[in-house]
């Protein structure tokens, strides 16, 4: 997504179906976490709410229809949604890890049956060809690097591989 919005709308039986009274959008910046996005949206709401309320109470707000052809919806997330399963797109993996780094349910990988929570991901320096499944290519005291199906590697930091008994060439079942 390039931008995200916060709205005040009429409540209806259907989710997000009511007319829109007020809406402000913000641009999403590179590396923005969900927490940072939520905070920026709340800042917009706090800054505009008093003015909205005055206009609404004064009858100066004209509602706009909330039509399906222009609507976008965000589904509720569940803890299982944080599992990394996008093996063919390293850039997407990095974005997911960084976006969820401050959430109660951060991104995670399952390696050898263990759930490893991820809080930082950077592009690695190595390139691979012919990868059948993601695997660990390098271990460091503060993290590990994995190769993914697109041939790129990602270094996940802030994790001690010894805590999970991670070894070189440990792979992910896909």
N, C-alpha and C. Protein backbone atom coordinates (compact mmCIF):
# COMPACT_ATOMS: atom_id res chain seq x y z
N UNK A 1 0.83 -1.18 0.00
CA UNK A 1 0.00 0.00 0.00
C UNK A 1 0.88 1.25 0.00
N UNK A 2 0.44 2.26 -0.71
CA UNK A 2 1.17 3.54 -0.76
C UNK A 2 0.63 4.52 0.27
N UNK A 3 -0.68 4.41 0.58
CA UNK A 3 -1.27 5.28 1.59
C UNK A 3 -2.36 4.53 2.33
N UNK A 4 -2.74 5.08 3.45
CA UNK A 4 -3.75 4.47 4.31
C UNK A 4 -4.60 5.60 4.85
N UNK A 5 -5.85 5.31 5.21
CA UNK A 5 -6.75 6.37 5.65
C UNK A 5 -7.47 5.98 6.93
N UNK A 6 -7.92 7.01 7.62
CA UNK A 6 -8.79 6.86 8.78
C UNK A 6 -10.08 7.60 8.47
N UNK A 7 -11.21 7.02 8.84
CA UNK A 7 -12.52 7.59 8.50
C UNK A 7 -13.43 7.66 9.71
N UNK A 8 -14.35 8.63 9.65
CA UNK A 8 -15.49 8.65 10.56
C UNK A 8 -16.69 8.44 9.64
N UNK A 9 -17.44 7.39 9.93
CA UNK A 9 -18.57 7.07 9.06
C UNK A 9 -19.77 6.62 9.88
N UNK A 10 -20.92 6.65 9.24
CA UNK A 10 -22.16 6.21 9.87
C UNK A 10 -22.09 4.71 10.09
N UNK A 11 -22.48 4.27 11.28
CA UNK A 11 -22.48 2.85 11.59
C UNK A 11 -23.72 2.19 10.99
N UNK A 12 -23.50 1.07 10.34
CA UNK A 12 -24.56 0.28 9.72
C UNK A 12 -24.40 -1.17 10.18
N UNK A 13 -25.37 -2.00 9.85
CA UNK A 13 -25.27 -3.43 10.20
C UNK A 13 -24.06 -4.07 9.53
N UNK A 14 -23.80 -3.71 8.28
CA UNK A 14 -22.67 -4.26 7.54
C UNK A 14 -21.39 -3.53 7.94
N UNK A 15 -20.28 -4.22 7.91
CA UNK A 15 -18.99 -3.64 8.28
C UNK A 15 -18.59 -2.58 7.25
N UNK A 16 -18.19 -1.42 7.74
CA UNK A 16 -17.69 -0.31 6.89
C UNK A 16 -18.62 0.04 5.74
N UNK A 17 -19.92 -0.01 5.97
CA UNK A 17 -20.88 0.24 4.89
C UNK A 17 -21.49 1.64 4.95
N UNK A 18 -21.40 2.32 6.07
CA UNK A 18 -22.07 3.60 6.23
C UNK A 18 -21.44 4.75 5.48
N UNK A 19 -22.24 5.78 5.25
CA UNK A 19 -21.75 7.00 4.58
C UNK A 19 -20.56 7.58 5.35
N UNK A 20 -19.63 8.17 4.61
CA UNK A 20 -18.41 8.75 5.19
C UNK A 20 -18.64 10.23 5.50
N UNK A 21 -18.37 10.61 6.74
CA UNK A 21 -18.50 12.00 7.17
C UNK A 21 -17.16 12.74 7.10
N UNK A 22 -16.09 12.02 7.36
CA UNK A 22 -14.75 12.64 7.42
C UNK A 22 -13.72 11.58 7.12
N UNK A 23 -12.66 11.96 6.40
CA UNK A 23 -11.62 10.99 6.07
C UNK A 23 -10.31 11.72 5.81
N UNK A 24 -9.23 11.19 6.35
CA UNK A 24 -7.89 11.73 6.11
C UNK A 24 -6.96 10.56 5.79
N UNK A 25 -6.07 10.77 4.86
CA UNK A 25 -5.11 9.72 4.51
C UNK A 25 -3.70 10.18 4.80
N UNK A 26 -2.82 9.20 4.96
CA UNK A 26 -1.39 9.47 5.14
C UNK A 26 -0.62 8.58 4.18
N UNK A 27 0.54 9.05 3.81
CA UNK A 27 1.44 8.25 2.97
C UNK A 27 2.19 7.27 3.88
N UNK A 28 2.33 6.07 3.41
CA UNK A 28 3.12 5.07 4.13
C UNK A 28 4.57 5.25 3.71
N UNK A 29 5.44 5.34 4.69
CA UNK A 29 6.86 5.52 4.40
C UNK A 29 7.59 4.19 4.43
N UNK A 30 8.72 4.15 3.77
CA UNK A 30 9.56 2.95 3.72
C UNK A 30 9.89 2.49 5.14
N UNK A 31 9.66 1.22 5.41
CA UNK A 31 10.01 0.64 6.71
C UNK A 31 9.05 0.94 7.84
N UNK A 32 7.92 1.58 7.54
CA UNK A 32 6.96 1.93 8.58
C UNK A 32 6.36 0.67 9.19
N UNK A 33 6.32 0.62 10.51
CA UNK A 33 5.70 -0.51 11.19
C UNK A 33 4.20 -0.28 11.33
N UNK A 34 3.48 -1.34 11.66
CA UNK A 34 2.04 -1.22 11.88
C UNK A 34 1.79 -0.26 13.05
N UNK A 35 2.62 -0.34 14.07
CA UNK A 35 2.47 0.55 15.23
C UNK A 35 2.65 2.01 14.82
N UNK A 36 3.65 2.29 13.99
CA UNK A 36 3.88 3.66 13.52
C UNK A 36 2.72 4.14 12.64
N UNK A 37 2.20 3.25 11.79
CA UNK A 37 1.05 3.59 10.96
C UNK A 37 -0.17 3.90 11.83
N UNK A 38 -0.43 3.04 12.79
CA UNK A 38 -1.58 3.24 13.69
C UNK A 38 -1.44 4.57 14.43
N UNK A 39 -0.25 4.88 14.90
CA UNK A 39 -0.01 6.13 15.62
C UNK A 39 -0.23 7.34 14.71
N UNK A 40 0.25 7.27 13.47
CA UNK A 40 0.07 8.38 12.52
C UNK A 40 -1.41 8.59 12.19
N UNK A 41 -2.15 7.50 12.04
CA UNK A 41 -3.58 7.61 11.77
C UNK A 41 -4.31 8.22 12.97
N UNK A 42 -3.95 7.81 14.17
CA UNK A 42 -4.58 8.37 15.37
C UNK A 42 -4.23 9.85 15.52
N UNK A 43 -3.01 10.24 15.15
CA UNK A 43 -2.64 11.66 15.17
C UNK A 43 -3.55 12.46 14.24
N UNK A 44 -3.83 11.91 13.05
CA UNK A 44 -4.74 12.58 12.11
C UNK A 44 -6.13 12.72 12.71
N UNK A 45 -6.60 11.65 13.33
CA UNK A 45 -7.93 11.66 13.94
C UNK A 45 -7.99 12.67 15.08
N UNK A 46 -6.99 12.66 15.95
CA UNK A 46 -6.96 13.62 17.07
C UNK A 46 -6.93 15.06 16.57
N UNK A 47 -6.11 15.32 15.55
CA UNK A 47 -5.97 16.68 15.03
C UNK A 47 -7.26 17.17 14.36
N UNK A 48 -8.01 16.28 13.73
CA UNK A 48 -9.18 16.71 13.00
C UNK A 48 -10.52 16.53 13.70
N UNK A 49 -10.52 15.81 14.83
CA UNK A 49 -11.80 15.45 15.43
C UNK A 49 -12.60 16.65 15.96
N UNK A 50 -11.95 17.57 16.64
CA UNK A 50 -12.67 18.72 17.21
C UNK A 50 -13.34 19.54 16.10
N UNK A 51 -12.60 19.79 15.00
CA UNK A 51 -13.16 20.53 13.88
C UNK A 51 -14.31 19.78 13.23
N UNK A 52 -14.13 18.47 13.07
CA UNK A 52 -15.21 17.65 12.52
C UNK A 52 -16.45 17.74 13.39
N UNK A 53 -16.27 17.58 14.70
CA UNK A 53 -17.41 17.57 15.63
C UNK A 53 -18.17 18.89 15.59
N UNK A 54 -17.44 20.00 15.56
CA UNK A 54 -18.08 21.32 15.47
C UNK A 54 -18.91 21.44 14.19
N UNK A 55 -18.33 21.03 13.07
CA UNK A 55 -19.06 21.11 11.79
C UNK A 55 -20.24 20.14 11.77
N UNK A 56 -20.04 18.94 12.31
CA UNK A 56 -21.12 17.95 12.32
C UNK A 56 -22.29 18.43 13.17
N UNK A 57 -21.99 18.93 14.36
CA UNK A 57 -23.04 19.42 15.27
C UNK A 57 -23.74 20.65 14.69
N UNK A 58 -23.02 21.41 13.87
CA UNK A 58 -23.60 22.59 13.24
C UNK A 58 -24.31 22.27 11.92
N UNK A 59 -24.38 20.99 11.57
CA UNK A 59 -25.06 20.59 10.34
C UNK A 59 -24.31 20.96 9.07
N UNK A 60 -23.00 21.17 9.18
CA UNK A 60 -22.22 21.60 8.03
C UNK A 60 -21.45 20.46 7.35
N UNK A 61 -21.72 19.24 7.75
CA UNK A 61 -21.05 18.09 7.14
C UNK A 61 -22.03 17.39 6.21
N UNK A 62 -21.59 17.19 4.99
CA UNK A 62 -22.40 16.44 4.03
C UNK A 62 -21.73 15.08 3.84
N UNK A 63 -22.46 14.03 4.14
CA UNK A 63 -21.92 12.67 4.03
C UNK A 63 -21.69 12.29 2.58
N UNK A 64 -20.63 11.51 2.36
CA UNK A 64 -20.34 10.96 1.03
C UNK A 64 -20.69 9.48 1.04
N UNK A 65 -21.28 8.99 -0.02
CA UNK A 65 -21.60 7.57 -0.07
C UNK A 65 -20.33 6.72 0.01
N UNK A 66 -20.42 5.64 0.70
CA UNK A 66 -19.32 4.69 0.84
C UNK A 66 -19.58 3.56 -0.14
N UNK A 67 -19.18 3.77 -1.39
CA UNK A 67 -19.49 2.81 -2.45
C UNK A 67 -18.44 1.71 -2.53
N UNK A 68 -18.88 0.51 -2.84
CA UNK A 68 -17.98 -0.64 -2.92
C UNK A 68 -16.91 -0.48 -3.99
N UNK A 69 -17.20 0.25 -5.08
CA UNK A 69 -16.20 0.37 -6.15
C UNK A 69 -14.99 1.19 -5.74
N UNK A 70 -15.10 2.00 -4.69
CA UNK A 70 -13.96 2.79 -4.21
C UNK A 70 -13.45 2.32 -2.85
N UNK A 71 -14.13 1.37 -2.27
CA UNK A 71 -13.80 0.93 -0.91
C UNK A 71 -12.67 -0.08 -0.92
N UNK A 72 -11.88 -0.03 0.14
CA UNK A 72 -10.90 -1.08 0.42
C UNK A 72 -11.11 -1.50 1.86
N UNK A 73 -10.88 -2.74 2.10
CA UNK A 73 -11.13 -3.28 3.44
C UNK A 73 -9.90 -4.03 3.91
N UNK A 74 -9.66 -3.97 5.19
CA UNK A 74 -8.55 -4.70 5.79
C UNK A 74 -9.16 -5.75 6.71
N UNK A 75 -8.82 -6.99 6.43
CA UNK A 75 -9.35 -8.08 7.23
C UNK A 75 -8.69 -8.12 8.60
N UNK A 76 -9.39 -8.66 9.55
CA UNK A 76 -8.84 -8.83 10.89
C UNK A 76 -7.69 -9.81 10.82
N UNK A 77 -6.61 -9.48 11.51
CA UNK A 77 -5.44 -10.36 11.56
C UNK A 77 -5.54 -11.30 12.75
N UNK A 78 -5.02 -12.49 12.57
CA UNK A 78 -4.92 -13.48 13.61
C UNK A 78 -3.46 -13.81 13.82
N UNK A 79 -3.07 -14.32 14.98
CA UNK A 79 -1.64 -14.63 15.22
C UNK A 79 -1.03 -15.50 14.11
N UNK A 80 -1.76 -16.45 13.59
CA UNK A 80 -1.22 -17.33 12.54
C UNK A 80 -0.89 -16.56 11.25
N UNK A 81 -1.51 -15.39 11.04
CA UNK A 81 -1.24 -14.59 9.85
C UNK A 81 0.18 -14.02 9.84
N UNK A 82 0.85 -14.05 10.98
CA UNK A 82 2.19 -13.50 11.07
C UNK A 82 3.27 -14.48 10.62
N UNK A 83 2.88 -15.72 10.34
CA UNK A 83 3.88 -16.70 9.89
C UNK A 83 4.37 -16.35 8.49
N UNK A 84 5.68 -16.40 8.29
CA UNK A 84 6.27 -16.14 6.98
C UNK A 84 6.07 -17.39 6.13
N UNK A 85 5.40 -17.20 5.00
CA UNK A 85 5.14 -18.31 4.07
C UNK A 85 5.37 -17.88 2.62
N UNK A 86 5.82 -16.65 2.41
CA UNK A 86 5.99 -16.09 1.06
C UNK A 86 7.41 -16.39 0.59
N UNK A 87 7.72 -17.63 0.27
CA UNK A 87 9.10 -18.05 0.02
C UNK A 87 9.70 -17.49 -1.27
N UNK A 88 8.90 -16.98 -2.19
CA UNK A 88 9.42 -16.56 -3.50
C UNK A 88 9.71 -15.07 -3.60
N UNK A 89 9.47 -14.30 -2.54
CA UNK A 89 9.64 -12.86 -2.63
C UNK A 89 10.32 -12.32 -1.36
N UNK A 90 11.65 -12.22 -1.41
CA UNK A 90 12.41 -11.77 -0.25
C UNK A 90 12.05 -10.35 0.18
N UNK A 91 11.77 -9.49 -0.78
CA UNK A 91 11.41 -8.11 -0.44
C UNK A 91 10.12 -8.09 0.39
N UNK A 92 9.15 -8.91 0.02
CA UNK A 92 7.90 -9.00 0.75
C UNK A 92 8.13 -9.53 2.18
N UNK A 93 9.02 -10.50 2.32
CA UNK A 93 9.35 -11.04 3.64
C UNK A 93 9.92 -9.94 4.52
N UNK A 94 10.87 -9.18 4.00
CA UNK A 94 11.49 -8.10 4.77
C UNK A 94 10.44 -7.08 5.19
N UNK A 95 9.56 -6.69 4.26
CA UNK A 95 8.52 -5.72 4.59
C UNK A 95 7.59 -6.24 5.69
N UNK A 96 7.24 -7.51 5.60
CA UNK A 96 6.35 -8.09 6.62
C UNK A 96 7.01 -8.10 7.99
N UNK A 97 8.27 -8.52 8.04
CA UNK A 97 8.99 -8.54 9.32
C UNK A 97 9.06 -7.14 9.91
N UNK A 98 9.44 -6.18 9.10
CA UNK A 98 9.60 -4.82 9.60
C UNK A 98 8.26 -4.18 9.97
N UNK A 99 7.22 -4.48 9.23
CA UNK A 99 5.89 -3.92 9.53
C UNK A 99 5.35 -4.46 10.85
N UNK A 100 5.63 -5.72 11.15
CA UNK A 100 5.08 -6.36 12.34
C UNK A 100 6.03 -6.36 13.54
N UNK A 101 7.17 -5.70 13.42
CA UNK A 101 8.20 -5.77 14.46
C UNK A 101 7.73 -5.27 15.83
N UNK A 102 6.76 -4.39 15.88
CA UNK A 102 6.31 -3.83 17.16
C UNK A 102 4.96 -4.39 17.60
N UNK A 103 4.47 -5.39 16.91
CA UNK A 103 3.15 -5.94 17.22
C UNK A 103 3.21 -7.03 18.28
N UNK A 104 2.08 -7.31 18.90
CA UNK A 104 1.99 -8.40 19.88
C UNK A 104 2.27 -9.74 19.21
N UNK A 105 1.96 -9.84 17.92
CA UNK A 105 2.21 -11.06 17.15
C UNK A 105 3.14 -10.73 15.99
N UNK A 106 4.45 -10.66 16.27
CA UNK A 106 5.39 -10.31 15.20
C UNK A 106 5.49 -11.45 14.17
N UNK A 107 6.12 -11.13 13.05
CA UNK A 107 6.36 -12.15 12.04
C UNK A 107 7.19 -13.27 12.66
N UNK A 108 6.98 -14.49 12.13
CA UNK A 108 7.76 -15.62 12.64
C UNK A 108 7.96 -16.66 11.56
N UNK A 109 9.02 -17.46 11.75
CA UNK A 109 9.32 -18.62 10.92
C UNK A 109 9.20 -19.85 11.79
N UNK A 110 8.90 -20.97 11.18
CA UNK A 110 8.94 -22.24 11.89
C UNK A 110 10.11 -23.04 11.32
N UNK A 111 11.09 -23.27 12.18
CA UNK A 111 12.26 -24.05 11.80
C UNK A 111 12.40 -25.19 12.80
N UNK A 112 12.47 -26.40 12.30
CA UNK A 112 12.58 -27.59 13.15
C UNK A 112 11.49 -27.62 14.21
N UNK A 113 10.28 -27.21 13.81
CA UNK A 113 9.14 -27.24 14.71
C UNK A 113 9.10 -26.12 15.74
N UNK A 114 10.07 -25.21 15.68
CA UNK A 114 10.14 -24.10 16.64
C UNK A 114 9.65 -22.82 15.97
N UNK A 115 8.89 -22.05 16.71
CA UNK A 115 8.43 -20.75 16.23
C UNK A 115 9.48 -19.71 16.62
N UNK A 116 10.09 -19.08 15.62
CA UNK A 116 11.13 -18.08 15.85
C UNK A 116 10.58 -16.72 15.47
N UNK A 117 10.37 -15.88 16.48
CA UNK A 117 9.83 -14.54 16.25
C UNK A 117 10.91 -13.65 15.65
N UNK A 118 10.51 -12.83 14.67
CA UNK A 118 11.44 -11.99 13.91
C UNK A 118 11.12 -10.51 14.13
N UNK A 119 12.16 -9.74 14.46
CA UNK A 119 11.98 -8.32 14.74
C UNK A 119 12.80 -7.42 13.82
N UNK A 120 13.72 -8.00 13.08
CA UNK A 120 14.54 -7.21 12.17
C UNK A 120 14.96 -8.08 10.99
N UNK A 121 14.89 -7.53 9.79
CA UNK A 121 15.27 -8.25 8.57
C UNK A 121 15.93 -7.28 7.61
N UNK A 122 17.09 -7.66 7.12
CA UNK A 122 17.82 -6.86 6.15
C UNK A 122 18.22 -7.72 4.96
N UNK A 123 18.29 -7.14 3.78
CA UNK A 123 18.75 -7.93 2.63
C UNK A 123 20.16 -8.46 2.89
N UNK A 124 20.37 -9.72 2.56
CA UNK A 124 21.70 -10.31 2.69
C UNK A 124 22.53 -9.98 1.47
N UNK A 125 23.78 -10.38 1.50
CA UNK A 125 24.70 -10.05 0.41
C UNK A 125 24.91 -11.19 -0.58
N UNK A 126 24.41 -12.36 -0.27
CA UNK A 126 24.64 -13.52 -1.12
C UNK A 126 23.48 -13.76 -2.09
N UNK A 127 23.81 -14.42 -3.20
CA UNK A 127 22.80 -14.81 -4.20
C UNK A 127 22.95 -16.31 -4.45
N UNK A 128 21.82 -16.99 -4.59
CA UNK A 128 21.81 -18.42 -4.83
C UNK A 128 20.93 -18.73 -6.04
N UNK A 129 21.19 -19.87 -6.67
CA UNK A 129 20.35 -20.33 -7.78
C UNK A 129 19.90 -21.75 -7.50
N UNK A 130 18.74 -22.10 -8.02
CA UNK A 130 18.26 -23.46 -7.92
C UNK A 130 17.83 -23.89 -6.53
N UNK A 131 17.29 -22.97 -5.76
CA UNK A 131 16.88 -23.29 -4.39
C UNK A 131 15.52 -24.00 -4.43
N UNK A 132 15.45 -25.16 -3.78
CA UNK A 132 14.20 -25.92 -3.72
C UNK A 132 13.39 -25.56 -2.48
N UNK A 133 14.08 -25.15 -1.43
CA UNK A 133 13.42 -24.75 -0.17
C UNK A 133 14.34 -23.79 0.56
N UNK A 134 13.78 -22.83 1.30
CA UNK A 134 14.62 -21.89 2.06
C UNK A 134 15.51 -22.64 3.06
N UNK A 135 16.73 -22.12 3.24
CA UNK A 135 17.64 -22.75 4.19
C UNK A 135 18.59 -21.71 4.80
N UNK A 136 19.17 -22.05 5.95
CA UNK A 136 20.10 -21.16 6.64
C UNK A 136 21.46 -21.23 5.96
N UNK A 137 21.98 -20.05 5.60
CA UNK A 137 23.27 -19.96 4.90
C UNK A 137 24.40 -19.45 5.78
N UNK A 138 24.04 -18.78 6.87
CA UNK A 138 25.07 -18.19 7.73
C UNK A 138 24.50 -18.02 9.13
N UNK A 139 25.35 -18.26 10.12
CA UNK A 139 24.99 -18.04 11.52
C UNK A 139 25.90 -16.97 12.09
N UNK A 140 25.36 -16.13 12.93
CA UNK A 140 26.13 -15.09 13.62
C UNK A 140 25.65 -15.05 15.07
N UNK A 141 26.43 -14.48 15.97
CA UNK A 141 25.99 -14.43 17.37
C UNK A 141 24.67 -13.70 17.57
N UNK A 142 24.33 -12.78 16.65
CA UNK A 142 23.11 -11.97 16.82
C UNK A 142 22.06 -12.24 15.75
N UNK A 143 22.17 -13.35 15.01
CA UNK A 143 21.17 -13.63 14.00
C UNK A 143 21.59 -14.71 13.04
N UNK A 144 20.83 -14.82 11.96
CA UNK A 144 21.13 -15.82 10.94
C UNK A 144 20.63 -15.32 9.59
N UNK A 145 21.25 -15.85 8.54
CA UNK A 145 20.89 -15.49 7.18
C UNK A 145 20.26 -16.71 6.51
N UNK A 146 19.21 -16.45 5.74
CA UNK A 146 18.54 -17.52 5.00
C UNK A 146 18.44 -17.16 3.53
N UNK A 147 18.53 -18.20 2.68
CA UNK A 147 18.31 -18.04 1.25
C UNK A 147 16.87 -18.44 0.95
N UNK A 148 16.24 -17.67 0.04
CA UNK A 148 14.85 -17.93 -0.32
C UNK A 148 14.74 -18.27 -1.80
N UNK A 149 13.57 -18.66 -2.25
CA UNK A 149 13.38 -19.20 -3.59
C UNK A 149 13.70 -18.22 -4.71
N UNK A 150 13.69 -16.91 -4.42
CA UNK A 150 14.06 -15.94 -5.45
C UNK A 150 15.57 -15.78 -5.56
N UNK A 151 16.33 -16.58 -4.79
CA UNK A 151 17.79 -16.54 -4.85
C UNK A 151 18.42 -15.52 -3.94
N UNK A 152 17.62 -14.68 -3.31
CA UNK A 152 18.14 -13.65 -2.41
C UNK A 152 18.23 -14.19 -0.99
N UNK A 153 19.05 -13.52 -0.20
CA UNK A 153 19.17 -13.89 1.21
C UNK A 153 18.68 -12.75 2.09
N UNK A 154 18.27 -13.13 3.29
CA UNK A 154 17.82 -12.17 4.29
C UNK A 154 18.53 -12.49 5.59
N UNK A 155 19.04 -11.43 6.24
CA UNK A 155 19.65 -11.59 7.56
C UNK A 155 18.63 -11.16 8.61
N UNK A 156 18.28 -12.09 9.49
CA UNK A 156 17.36 -11.84 10.59
C UNK A 156 18.21 -11.61 11.84
N UNK A 157 18.17 -10.39 12.38
CA UNK A 157 19.01 -10.08 13.54
C UNK A 157 18.18 -10.00 14.81
N UNK A 158 18.91 -9.93 15.94
CA UNK A 158 18.26 -9.85 17.24
C UNK A 158 17.87 -11.23 17.78
N UNK A 159 18.45 -12.26 17.22
CA UNK A 159 18.14 -13.63 17.61
C UNK A 159 19.46 -14.36 17.82
N UNK A 160 19.58 -15.09 18.90
CA UNK A 160 20.75 -15.93 19.11
C UNK A 160 20.43 -17.32 18.57
N UNK A 161 21.08 -17.73 17.47
CA UNK A 161 20.77 -19.04 16.89
C UNK A 161 20.95 -20.20 17.86
N UNK A 162 21.85 -20.05 18.82
CA UNK A 162 22.08 -21.12 19.79
C UNK A 162 20.84 -21.36 20.65
N UNK A 163 20.05 -20.31 20.89
CA UNK A 163 18.82 -20.47 21.68
C UNK A 163 17.83 -21.42 21.02
N UNK A 164 17.95 -21.59 19.72
CA UNK A 164 17.04 -22.45 18.96
C UNK A 164 17.75 -23.66 18.35
N UNK A 165 19.03 -23.82 18.69
CA UNK A 165 19.84 -24.90 18.14
C UNK A 165 19.83 -24.91 16.61
N UNK A 166 19.91 -23.71 16.03
CA UNK A 166 19.92 -23.58 14.58
C UNK A 166 21.30 -23.96 14.04
N UNK A 167 21.31 -24.62 12.89
CA UNK A 167 22.53 -25.06 12.25
C UNK A 167 22.52 -24.60 10.78
N UNK A 168 23.73 -24.52 10.19
CA UNK A 168 23.79 -24.23 8.77
C UNK A 168 23.00 -25.28 8.01
N UNK A 169 22.37 -24.86 6.95
CA UNK A 169 21.56 -25.70 6.06
C UNK A 169 20.25 -26.16 6.66
N UNK A 170 19.91 -25.77 7.91
CA UNK A 170 18.56 -26.05 8.39
C UNK A 170 17.59 -25.40 7.42
N UNK A 171 16.54 -26.12 7.06
CA UNK A 171 15.62 -25.60 6.08
C UNK A 171 14.20 -25.50 6.58
N UNK A 172 13.39 -24.94 5.72
CA UNK A 172 11.96 -24.79 6.00
C UNK A 172 11.19 -25.78 5.13
N UNK A 173 10.22 -26.41 5.71
CA UNK A 173 9.35 -27.30 4.93
C UNK A 173 8.34 -26.45 4.18
N UNK A 174 8.30 -26.59 2.88
CA UNK A 174 7.33 -25.82 2.10
C UNK A 174 6.40 -26.73 1.34
